[in-house]
Amino acid sequence: MHDNSIILPQAGALLLAQPVLDDPNFTRTVILLLAHNDAEGSMGVVINRPGSALDSSERSPVVDWIATSVGPHVEFIGGPVEESGYICLSQDFGSPTNVTSLDMMSEDADTGTTHRVFQGYSGWGPGQLSYELTENAWWVLESEPSDAFDRDPFTLWSRVLARQTSDLRRLADYPVDPTVN
């Protein structure tokens, strides 16, 4: 069960975009925070935005890592920062975030690991995330070890809300456009 008491942003927490957040980069996103420091800022990856499949005829480490990743076998859109870069995360239950980063350029694609490839990341400068939290842009919630590798990312936002034990769970079925409700 989840204790839905207020939790502070920290590595391993989830940021769920509140329905009122109108930035198209973050509409209904679920972000796994990888790092958070009030003095330096925060970094995470959007874990519920599958992108497109890369051209599999091209042989590159990124294509190989995506081909051996948890399905769907596509790059995920990690966020709008450094969109030309990639981050590969592997499941690591010994880490506070339940993930660890893999070096796709110096390691071979490992079919024995649970991993996923993200293009770009989400980042906040010092104080920026704290400000956005006061503006009710995000909920900070506990993550589950499987969240970063969920096989149905399109419904993850709703399912994370549905598993809460507080009144937040009622928002799991919040319509995309409340005016047509």
N, C-alpha and C. Protein backbone atom coordinates (compact mmCIF):
# COMPACT_ATOMS: atom_id res chain seq x y z
N MET A 1 0.84 -1.18 0.00
CA MET A 1 0.00 0.00 0.00
C MET A 1 0.88 1.23 0.00
N HIS A 2 0.34 2.29 -0.53
CA HIS A 2 1.06 3.54 -0.59
C HIS A 2 0.59 4.47 0.50
N ASP A 3 1.53 5.06 1.19
CA ASP A 3 1.23 6.12 2.14
C ASP A 3 1.30 7.40 1.34
N ASN A 4 0.15 7.99 1.06
CA ASN A 4 0.13 9.17 0.21
C ASN A 4 0.39 10.45 0.96
N SER A 5 1.18 10.37 2.03
CA SER A 5 1.59 11.60 2.69
C SER A 5 2.48 12.35 1.72
N ILE A 6 2.62 13.62 1.95
CA ILE A 6 3.43 14.44 1.07
C ILE A 6 4.86 13.90 1.09
N ILE A 7 5.37 13.62 -0.09
CA ILE A 7 6.78 13.24 -0.17
C ILE A 7 7.49 14.33 -0.95
N LEU A 8 8.73 14.52 -0.61
CA LEU A 8 9.54 15.55 -1.24
C LEU A 8 10.18 14.98 -2.50
N PRO A 9 10.47 15.86 -3.46
CA PRO A 9 11.18 15.36 -4.63
C PRO A 9 12.51 14.74 -4.19
N GLN A 10 12.79 13.57 -4.71
CA GLN A 10 14.03 12.87 -4.41
C GLN A 10 14.26 11.84 -5.51
N ALA A 11 15.49 11.43 -5.68
CA ALA A 11 15.79 10.41 -6.66
C ALA A 11 14.95 9.18 -6.36
N GLY A 12 14.28 8.67 -7.39
CA GLY A 12 13.43 7.50 -7.24
C GLY A 12 11.95 7.84 -7.15
N ALA A 13 11.61 9.09 -6.88
CA ALA A 13 10.19 9.49 -6.82
C ALA A 13 9.66 9.69 -8.23
N LEU A 14 8.34 9.67 -8.33
CA LEU A 14 7.68 9.97 -9.59
C LEU A 14 7.12 11.38 -9.54
N LEU A 15 7.20 12.07 -10.66
CA LEU A 15 6.48 13.32 -10.85
C LEU A 15 5.35 13.01 -11.83
N LEU A 16 4.12 13.24 -11.40
CA LEU A 16 2.98 13.10 -12.30
C LEU A 16 2.47 14.47 -12.64
N ALA A 17 2.34 14.73 -13.93
CA ALA A 17 1.82 16.02 -14.37
C ALA A 17 0.37 16.13 -13.96
N GLN A 18 0.02 17.22 -13.30
CA GLN A 18 -1.37 17.46 -12.96
C GLN A 18 -2.14 17.79 -14.24
N PRO A 19 -3.43 17.48 -14.28
CA PRO A 19 -4.21 17.71 -15.51
C PRO A 19 -4.19 19.15 -16.00
N VAL A 20 -3.94 20.11 -15.11
CA VAL A 20 -3.93 21.51 -15.53
C VAL A 20 -2.63 21.93 -16.19
N LEU A 21 -1.61 21.10 -16.14
CA LEU A 21 -0.33 21.43 -16.77
C LEU A 21 -0.52 21.41 -18.28
N ASP A 22 -0.35 22.56 -18.92
CA ASP A 22 -0.66 22.65 -20.34
C ASP A 22 0.57 22.67 -21.25
N ASP A 23 1.74 22.40 -20.74
CA ASP A 23 2.94 22.31 -21.56
C ASP A 23 2.87 21.00 -22.35
N PRO A 24 2.83 21.06 -23.69
CA PRO A 24 2.68 19.83 -24.48
C PRO A 24 3.82 18.82 -24.26
N ASN A 25 4.98 19.29 -23.80
CA ASN A 25 6.08 18.36 -23.49
C ASN A 25 5.75 17.46 -22.30
N PHE A 26 4.82 17.90 -21.46
CA PHE A 26 4.60 17.19 -20.21
C PHE A 26 3.14 16.81 -19.93
N THR A 27 2.24 16.98 -20.88
CA THR A 27 0.84 16.62 -20.66
C THR A 27 0.74 15.14 -20.29
N ARG A 28 0.15 14.90 -19.12
CA ARG A 28 -0.07 13.53 -18.59
C ARG A 28 1.19 12.67 -18.55
N THR A 29 2.30 13.29 -18.24
CA THR A 29 3.54 12.53 -18.17
C THR A 29 3.78 11.98 -16.77
N VAL A 30 4.54 10.91 -16.76
CA VAL A 30 5.05 10.30 -15.53
C VAL A 30 6.57 10.37 -15.67
N ILE A 31 7.20 11.07 -14.74
CA ILE A 31 8.65 11.25 -14.79
C ILE A 31 9.28 10.55 -13.60
N LEU A 32 10.29 9.74 -13.87
CA LEU A 32 11.08 9.12 -12.82
C LEU A 32 12.24 10.07 -12.54
N LEU A 33 12.29 10.60 -11.31
CA LEU A 33 13.39 11.48 -10.94
C LEU A 33 14.65 10.65 -10.73
N LEU A 34 15.70 11.00 -11.44
CA LEU A 34 16.98 10.31 -11.31
C LEU A 34 17.91 11.03 -10.36
N ALA A 35 17.72 12.34 -10.23
CA ALA A 35 18.56 13.15 -9.33
C ALA A 35 17.77 14.37 -8.90
N HIS A 36 17.97 14.76 -7.65
CA HIS A 36 17.34 15.98 -7.15
C HIS A 36 18.24 16.57 -6.07
N ASN A 37 18.54 17.85 -6.25
CA ASN A 37 19.35 18.58 -5.29
C ASN A 37 18.88 20.02 -5.36
N ASP A 38 18.44 20.57 -4.23
CA ASP A 38 17.92 21.94 -4.24
C ASP A 38 18.93 22.94 -4.79
N ALA A 39 20.21 22.72 -4.54
CA ALA A 39 21.23 23.66 -4.98
C ALA A 39 21.59 23.50 -6.46
N GLU A 40 21.45 22.28 -6.99
CA GLU A 40 21.87 22.02 -8.37
C GLU A 40 20.73 21.78 -9.35
N GLY A 41 19.56 21.44 -8.85
CA GLY A 41 18.43 21.18 -9.72
C GLY A 41 18.04 19.71 -9.73
N SER A 42 17.23 19.36 -10.72
CA SER A 42 16.66 18.02 -10.80
C SER A 42 16.75 17.49 -12.23
N MET A 43 16.77 16.16 -12.32
CA MET A 43 16.83 15.50 -13.62
C MET A 43 16.00 14.23 -13.55
N GLY A 44 15.30 13.94 -14.63
CA GLY A 44 14.52 12.71 -14.71
C GLY A 44 14.22 12.37 -16.15
N VAL A 45 13.50 11.27 -16.35
CA VAL A 45 13.07 10.88 -17.68
C VAL A 45 11.58 10.59 -17.67
N VAL A 46 10.92 11.00 -18.74
CA VAL A 46 9.52 10.67 -18.93
C VAL A 46 9.46 9.19 -19.24
N ILE A 47 8.69 8.43 -18.47
CA ILE A 47 8.69 6.98 -18.65
C ILE A 47 7.42 6.46 -19.35
N ASN A 48 6.55 7.38 -19.76
CA ASN A 48 5.32 6.92 -20.42
C ASN A 48 5.10 7.53 -21.80
N ARG A 49 6.19 7.86 -22.51
CA ARG A 49 6.08 8.44 -23.86
C ARG A 49 6.91 7.64 -24.87
N PRO A 50 6.37 6.53 -25.36
CA PRO A 50 7.11 5.80 -26.40
C PRO A 50 7.24 6.68 -27.63
N GLY A 51 8.40 6.64 -28.24
CA GLY A 51 8.63 7.38 -29.48
C GLY A 51 8.44 6.46 -30.66
N SER A 52 9.29 6.62 -31.62
CA SER A 52 9.18 5.80 -32.83
C SER A 52 10.32 4.79 -32.87
N ALA A 53 10.10 3.77 -33.67
CA ALA A 53 11.15 2.77 -33.86
C ALA A 53 12.25 3.37 -34.72
N LEU A 54 13.48 3.07 -34.38
CA LEU A 54 14.60 3.52 -35.21
C LEU A 54 14.75 2.57 -36.39
N ASP A 55 15.37 3.04 -37.44
CA ASP A 55 15.62 2.23 -38.62
C ASP A 55 16.51 1.06 -38.23
N SER A 56 15.95 -0.14 -38.24
CA SER A 56 16.71 -1.31 -37.78
C SER A 56 17.77 -1.76 -38.78
N SER A 57 17.74 -1.22 -40.01
CA SER A 57 18.80 -1.58 -40.95
C SER A 57 20.09 -0.87 -40.60
N GLU A 58 19.96 0.23 -39.85
CA GLU A 58 21.15 0.96 -39.38
C GLU A 58 21.73 0.20 -38.19
N ARG A 59 23.00 -0.08 -38.24
CA ARG A 59 23.64 -0.78 -37.13
C ARG A 59 24.32 0.25 -36.26
N SER A 60 23.81 0.42 -35.07
CA SER A 60 24.42 1.33 -34.11
C SER A 60 24.14 0.77 -32.73
N PRO A 61 24.93 1.16 -31.75
CA PRO A 61 24.65 0.69 -30.39
C PRO A 61 23.24 1.05 -29.92
N VAL A 62 22.75 2.24 -30.27
CA VAL A 62 21.41 2.64 -29.82
C VAL A 62 20.36 1.69 -30.39
N VAL A 63 20.45 1.38 -31.69
CA VAL A 63 19.49 0.47 -32.32
C VAL A 63 19.56 -0.91 -31.65
N ASP A 64 20.75 -1.39 -31.37
CA ASP A 64 20.90 -2.70 -30.71
C ASP A 64 20.29 -2.70 -29.31
N TRP A 65 20.53 -1.63 -28.56
CA TRP A 65 19.98 -1.55 -27.21
C TRP A 65 18.46 -1.48 -27.24
N ILE A 66 17.90 -0.74 -28.19
CA ILE A 66 16.44 -0.66 -28.30
C ILE A 66 15.86 -2.02 -28.69
N ALA A 67 16.53 -2.72 -29.61
CA ALA A 67 16.05 -4.04 -30.06
C ALA A 67 16.00 -5.05 -28.93
N THR A 68 16.86 -4.90 -27.91
CA THR A 68 16.89 -5.87 -26.80
C THR A 68 16.19 -5.33 -25.55
N SER A 69 15.54 -4.17 -25.68
CA SER A 69 14.90 -3.55 -24.52
C SER A 69 13.54 -4.18 -24.22
N VAL A 70 12.97 -3.77 -23.09
CA VAL A 70 11.61 -4.17 -22.73
C VAL A 70 10.67 -3.54 -23.74
N GLY A 71 9.70 -4.30 -24.23
CA GLY A 71 8.76 -3.76 -25.21
C GLY A 71 7.91 -2.64 -24.63
N PRO A 72 7.43 -1.77 -25.47
CA PRO A 72 7.63 -1.76 -26.91
C PRO A 72 9.06 -1.38 -27.27
N HIS A 73 9.56 -1.98 -28.33
CA HIS A 73 10.96 -1.81 -28.73
C HIS A 73 11.14 -0.52 -29.54
N VAL A 74 11.02 0.59 -28.84
CA VAL A 74 11.18 1.93 -29.43
C VAL A 74 11.97 2.77 -28.46
N GLU A 75 12.49 3.87 -28.97
CA GLU A 75 13.09 4.83 -28.05
C GLU A 75 11.95 5.54 -27.33
N PHE A 76 12.16 5.87 -26.09
CA PHE A 76 11.17 6.64 -25.33
C PHE A 76 11.61 8.10 -25.31
N ILE A 77 10.66 9.00 -25.33
CA ILE A 77 10.96 10.43 -25.29
C ILE A 77 11.16 10.79 -23.82
N GLY A 78 12.40 10.93 -23.40
CA GLY A 78 12.73 11.19 -22.00
C GLY A 78 12.48 12.62 -21.56
N GLY A 79 12.41 13.53 -22.52
CA GLY A 79 12.15 14.92 -22.21
C GLY A 79 12.76 15.84 -23.24
N PRO A 80 12.53 17.13 -23.08
CA PRO A 80 12.95 18.10 -24.09
C PRO A 80 14.39 18.61 -23.96
N VAL A 81 15.16 18.08 -23.02
CA VAL A 81 16.53 18.54 -22.84
C VAL A 81 17.48 17.56 -23.54
N GLU A 82 18.43 18.10 -24.29
CA GLU A 82 19.42 17.29 -25.02
C GLU A 82 18.76 16.16 -25.80
N GLU A 83 17.84 16.55 -26.66
CA GLU A 83 17.08 15.56 -27.43
C GLU A 83 17.92 14.75 -28.40
N SER A 84 19.15 15.16 -28.65
CA SER A 84 20.02 14.38 -29.53
C SER A 84 20.80 13.31 -28.75
N GLY A 85 20.66 13.31 -27.43
CA GLY A 85 21.37 12.33 -26.61
C GLY A 85 20.45 11.22 -26.14
N TYR A 86 21.05 10.12 -25.72
CA TYR A 86 20.29 8.95 -25.26
C TYR A 86 20.77 8.53 -23.89
N ILE A 87 19.83 8.01 -23.11
CA ILE A 87 20.12 7.43 -21.79
C ILE A 87 19.52 6.04 -21.79
N CYS A 88 20.29 5.05 -21.39
CA CYS A 88 19.78 3.69 -21.26
C CYS A 88 19.75 3.35 -19.77
N LEU A 89 18.56 3.01 -19.29
CA LEU A 89 18.40 2.64 -17.89
C LEU A 89 18.14 1.16 -17.77
N SER A 90 18.76 0.55 -16.78
CA SER A 90 18.59 -0.87 -16.49
C SER A 90 18.02 -1.03 -15.10
N GLN A 91 17.20 -2.04 -14.92
CA GLN A 91 16.61 -2.28 -13.60
C GLN A 91 17.71 -2.68 -12.62
N ASP A 92 17.69 -2.03 -11.45
CA ASP A 92 18.68 -2.27 -10.40
C ASP A 92 18.00 -2.08 -9.05
N PHE A 93 17.58 -3.19 -8.45
CA PHE A 93 16.82 -3.12 -7.20
C PHE A 93 17.66 -2.64 -6.03
N GLY A 94 18.98 -2.59 -6.19
CA GLY A 94 19.85 -2.11 -5.12
C GLY A 94 20.02 -0.61 -5.10
N SER A 95 19.50 0.06 -6.11
CA SER A 95 19.64 1.51 -6.23
C SER A 95 18.40 2.20 -5.65
N PRO A 96 18.57 3.39 -5.08
CA PRO A 96 17.40 4.12 -4.55
C PRO A 96 16.36 4.44 -5.63
N THR A 97 16.79 4.51 -6.87
CA THR A 97 15.87 4.80 -7.97
C THR A 97 15.35 3.53 -8.65
N ASN A 98 15.86 2.37 -8.25
CA ASN A 98 15.56 1.08 -8.86
C ASN A 98 16.08 0.97 -10.29
N VAL A 99 16.93 1.91 -10.71
CA VAL A 99 17.53 1.86 -12.03
C VAL A 99 18.99 2.26 -11.94
N THR A 100 19.73 1.88 -12.97
CA THR A 100 21.10 2.34 -13.11
C THR A 100 21.31 2.65 -14.59
N SER A 101 22.23 3.52 -14.88
CA SER A 101 22.50 3.92 -16.26
C SER A 101 23.52 2.98 -16.88
N LEU A 102 23.31 2.63 -18.13
CA LEU A 102 24.24 1.77 -18.86
C LEU A 102 24.93 2.60 -19.93
N ASP A 103 26.18 2.30 -20.20
CA ASP A 103 26.94 2.99 -21.23
C ASP A 103 26.77 2.23 -22.54
N MET A 104 25.90 2.74 -23.39
CA MET A 104 25.59 2.04 -24.64
C MET A 104 26.75 2.04 -25.62
N MET A 105 27.71 2.92 -25.45
CA MET A 105 28.81 3.00 -26.41
C MET A 105 29.96 2.05 -26.07
N SER A 106 30.10 1.69 -24.80
CA SER A 106 31.23 0.82 -24.45
C SER A 106 30.79 -0.56 -23.98
N GLU A 107 29.49 -0.77 -23.83
CA GLU A 107 28.99 -2.09 -23.45
C GLU A 107 28.19 -2.65 -24.61
N ASP A 108 28.15 -3.98 -24.72
CA ASP A 108 27.32 -4.62 -25.74
C ASP A 108 25.88 -4.66 -25.25
N ALA A 109 24.94 -4.57 -26.20
CA ALA A 109 23.52 -4.67 -25.85
C ALA A 109 23.31 -5.99 -25.14
N ASP A 110 22.71 -5.92 -23.99
CA ASP A 110 22.57 -7.10 -23.12
C ASP A 110 21.12 -7.56 -23.13
N THR A 111 20.89 -8.72 -23.71
CA THR A 111 19.53 -9.26 -23.76
C THR A 111 19.12 -9.84 -22.41
N GLY A 112 20.05 -9.95 -21.48
CA GLY A 112 19.72 -10.50 -20.17
C GLY A 112 19.31 -9.46 -19.15
N THR A 113 19.36 -8.17 -19.50
CA THR A 113 18.96 -7.14 -18.55
C THR A 113 17.61 -6.55 -18.94
N THR A 114 16.90 -6.09 -17.95
CA THR A 114 15.69 -5.33 -18.19
C THR A 114 16.13 -3.89 -18.36
N HIS A 115 15.98 -3.36 -19.57
CA HIS A 115 16.44 -2.00 -19.83
C HIS A 115 15.53 -1.30 -20.82
N ARG A 116 15.69 0.03 -20.88
CA ARG A 116 14.92 0.86 -21.81
C ARG A 116 15.78 2.06 -22.20
N VAL A 117 15.61 2.54 -23.43
CA VAL A 117 16.38 3.65 -23.98
C VAL A 117 15.50 4.89 -24.07
N PHE A 118 16.03 6.01 -23.57
CA PHE A 118 15.31 7.28 -23.56
C PHE A 118 16.09 8.30 -24.37
N GLN A 119 15.38 9.03 -25.22
CA GLN A 119 15.99 10.11 -25.99
C GLN A 119 15.72 11.41 -25.24
N GLY A 120 16.79 12.10 -24.86
CA GLY A 120 16.65 13.33 -24.10
C GLY A 120 16.27 13.05 -22.66
N TYR A 121 16.12 14.12 -21.90
CA TYR A 121 15.71 14.00 -20.50
C TYR A 121 14.96 15.25 -20.09
N SER A 122 14.45 15.23 -18.89
CA SER A 122 13.72 16.37 -18.31
C SER A 122 14.60 16.95 -17.22
N GLY A 123 14.75 18.26 -17.23
CA GLY A 123 15.63 18.88 -16.25
C GLY A 123 15.07 20.18 -15.72
N TRP A 124 15.44 20.50 -14.50
CA TRP A 124 15.03 21.72 -13.82
C TRP A 124 16.26 22.35 -13.17
N GLY A 125 16.39 23.64 -13.30
CA GLY A 125 17.47 24.35 -12.63
C GLY A 125 17.18 24.48 -11.15
N PRO A 126 18.14 25.01 -10.38
CA PRO A 126 17.94 25.19 -8.94
C PRO A 126 16.65 25.97 -8.65
N GLY A 127 15.80 25.42 -7.81
CA GLY A 127 14.57 26.08 -7.40
C GLY A 127 13.42 25.98 -8.39
N GLN A 128 13.69 25.57 -9.62
CA GLN A 128 12.64 25.55 -10.64
C GLN A 128 11.56 24.50 -10.33
N LEU A 129 11.96 23.29 -9.96
CA LEU A 129 10.97 22.27 -9.65
C LEU A 129 10.17 22.66 -8.41
N SER A 130 10.83 23.20 -7.39
CA SER A 130 10.12 23.65 -6.19
C SER A 130 9.06 24.67 -6.55
N TYR A 131 9.39 25.59 -7.44
CA TYR A 131 8.43 26.59 -7.88
C TYR A 131 7.26 25.93 -8.60
N GLU A 132 7.55 25.00 -9.51
CA GLU A 132 6.49 24.33 -10.25
C GLU A 132 5.58 23.53 -9.32
N LEU A 133 6.14 22.99 -8.24
CA LEU A 133 5.32 22.27 -7.27
C LEU A 133 4.36 23.23 -6.56
N THR A 134 4.82 24.44 -6.25
CA THR A 134 3.93 25.42 -5.60
C THR A 134 2.85 25.90 -6.57
N GLU A 135 3.10 25.79 -7.86
CA GLU A 135 2.13 26.17 -8.89
C GLU A 135 1.19 25.00 -9.25
N ASN A 136 1.29 23.90 -8.51
CA ASN A 136 0.45 22.71 -8.72
C ASN A 136 0.58 22.12 -10.12
N ALA A 137 1.81 22.10 -10.63
CA ALA A 137 2.06 21.49 -11.93
C ALA A 137 2.27 19.98 -11.79
N TRP A 138 2.75 19.54 -10.64
CA TRP A 138 3.15 18.14 -10.44
C TRP A 138 2.65 17.61 -9.11
N TRP A 139 2.43 16.30 -9.08
CA TRP A 139 2.30 15.55 -7.83
C TRP A 139 3.59 14.76 -7.69
N VAL A 140 4.12 14.68 -6.49
CA VAL A 140 5.29 13.85 -6.20
C VAL A 140 4.78 12.60 -5.50
N LEU A 141 5.00 11.44 -6.12
CA LEU A 141 4.47 10.18 -5.60
C LEU A 141 5.57 9.13 -5.56
N GLU A 142 5.33 8.11 -4.77
CA GLU A 142 6.29 7.00 -4.69
C GLU A 142 6.24 6.19 -5.97
N SER A 143 7.40 5.70 -6.36
CA SER A 143 7.46 4.83 -7.54
C SER A 143 7.44 3.38 -7.10
N GLU A 144 7.14 2.52 -8.04
CA GLU A 144 7.27 1.09 -7.85
C GLU A 144 8.41 0.63 -8.75
N PRO A 145 9.11 -0.43 -8.37
CA PRO A 145 10.28 -0.85 -9.14
C PRO A 145 10.02 -1.09 -10.63
N SER A 146 8.83 -1.48 -10.99
CA SER A 146 8.55 -1.80 -12.39
C SER A 146 8.09 -0.59 -13.22
N ASP A 147 7.88 0.56 -12.59
CA ASP A 147 7.33 1.70 -13.32
C ASP A 147 8.15 2.10 -14.55
N ALA A 148 9.45 2.15 -14.43
CA ALA A 148 10.30 2.60 -15.54
C ALA A 148 10.28 1.65 -16.73
N PHE A 149 9.82 0.43 -16.52
CA PHE A 149 9.84 -0.58 -17.58
C PHE A 149 8.45 -1.13 -17.87
N ASP A 150 7.45 -0.34 -17.56
CA ASP A 150 6.06 -0.75 -17.73
C ASP A 150 5.78 -1.08 -19.20
N ARG A 151 5.10 -2.18 -19.43
CA ARG A 151 4.84 -2.63 -20.80
C ARG A 151 3.63 -1.94 -21.44
N ASP A 152 2.86 -1.18 -20.65
CA ASP A 152 1.72 -0.43 -21.18
C ASP A 152 1.86 1.03 -20.79
N PRO A 153 2.86 1.72 -21.35
CA PRO A 153 3.14 3.09 -20.92
C PRO A 153 2.00 4.07 -21.18
N PHE A 154 1.13 3.78 -22.15
CA PHE A 154 0.07 4.72 -22.48
C PHE A 154 -0.94 4.90 -21.35
N THR A 155 -1.08 3.90 -20.48
CA THR A 155 -2.05 3.99 -19.38
C THR A 155 -1.37 4.20 -18.02
N LEU A 156 -0.06 4.38 -18.01
CA LEU A 156 0.68 4.46 -16.74
C LEU A 156 0.22 5.64 -15.88
N TRP A 157 -0.02 6.80 -16.46
CA TRP A 157 -0.44 7.98 -15.68
C TRP A 157 -1.70 7.65 -14.88
N SER A 158 -2.69 7.08 -15.53
CA SER A 158 -3.95 6.73 -14.85
C SER A 158 -3.75 5.63 -13.82
N ARG A 159 -2.94 4.65 -14.14
CA ARG A 159 -2.74 3.54 -13.21
C ARG A 159 -1.96 3.95 -11.97
N VAL A 160 -1.00 4.88 -12.12
CA VAL A 160 -0.28 5.38 -10.94
C VAL A 160 -1.27 6.10 -10.02
N LEU A 161 -2.14 6.90 -10.59
CA LEU A 161 -3.16 7.58 -9.76
C LEU A 161 -4.11 6.56 -9.14
N ALA A 162 -4.53 5.57 -9.89
CA ALA A 162 -5.49 4.58 -9.38
C ALA A 162 -4.94 3.77 -8.21
N ARG A 163 -3.64 3.59 -8.12
CA ARG A 163 -3.07 2.80 -7.02
C ARG A 163 -2.87 3.61 -5.74
N GLN A 164 -3.16 4.90 -5.77
CA GLN A 164 -3.02 5.73 -4.58
C GLN A 164 -4.14 5.42 -3.60
N THR A 165 -3.89 5.64 -2.33
CA THR A 165 -4.91 5.38 -1.31
C THR A 165 -5.60 6.66 -0.85
N SER A 166 -5.16 7.79 -1.35
CA SER A 166 -5.77 9.07 -1.00
C SER A 166 -6.82 9.44 -2.05
N ASP A 167 -7.37 10.63 -1.91
CA ASP A 167 -8.37 11.12 -2.86
C ASP A 167 -7.81 11.27 -4.27
N LEU A 168 -6.50 11.27 -4.42
CA LEU A 168 -5.89 11.35 -5.76
C LEU A 168 -6.39 10.24 -6.67
N ARG A 169 -6.70 9.10 -6.10
CA ARG A 169 -7.12 7.96 -6.92
C ARG A 169 -8.35 8.28 -7.75
N ARG A 170 -9.17 9.23 -7.28
CA ARG A 170 -10.38 9.60 -8.03
C ARG A 170 -10.04 10.29 -9.36
N LEU A 171 -8.84 10.80 -9.48
CA LEU A 171 -8.46 11.50 -10.71
C LEU A 171 -7.91 10.56 -11.78
N ALA A 172 -7.84 9.28 -11.49
CA ALA A 172 -7.30 8.32 -12.45
C ALA A 172 -8.09 8.33 -13.76
N ASP A 173 -9.37 8.62 -13.70
CA ASP A 173 -10.22 8.64 -14.89
C ASP A 173 -10.51 10.06 -15.38
N TYR A 174 -9.69 11.02 -14.94
CA TYR A 174 -9.88 12.41 -15.34
C TYR A 174 -9.82 12.49 -16.87
N PRO A 175 -10.84 13.08 -17.50
CA PRO A 175 -10.84 13.11 -18.96
C PRO A 175 -9.75 14.01 -19.54
N VAL A 176 -9.28 13.67 -20.71
CA VAL A 176 -8.27 14.47 -21.38
C VAL A 176 -8.81 15.87 -21.64
N ASP A 177 -10.07 15.95 -22.05
CA ASP A 177 -10.72 17.24 -22.27
C ASP A 177 -11.98 17.30 -21.42
N PRO A 178 -11.93 17.92 -20.22
CA PRO A 178 -13.08 17.93 -19.33
C PRO A 178 -14.29 18.66 -19.90
N THR A 179 -14.12 19.47 -20.93
CA THR A 179 -15.25 20.20 -21.49
C THR A 179 -16.19 19.28 -22.29
N VAL A 180 -15.72 18.12 -22.67
CA VAL A 180 -16.58 17.18 -23.41
C VAL A 180 -17.07 16.06 -22.51
N ASN A 181 -16.90 16.22 -21.23
CA ASN A 181 -17.33 15.20 -20.28
C ASN A 181 -18.82 15.22 -20.10
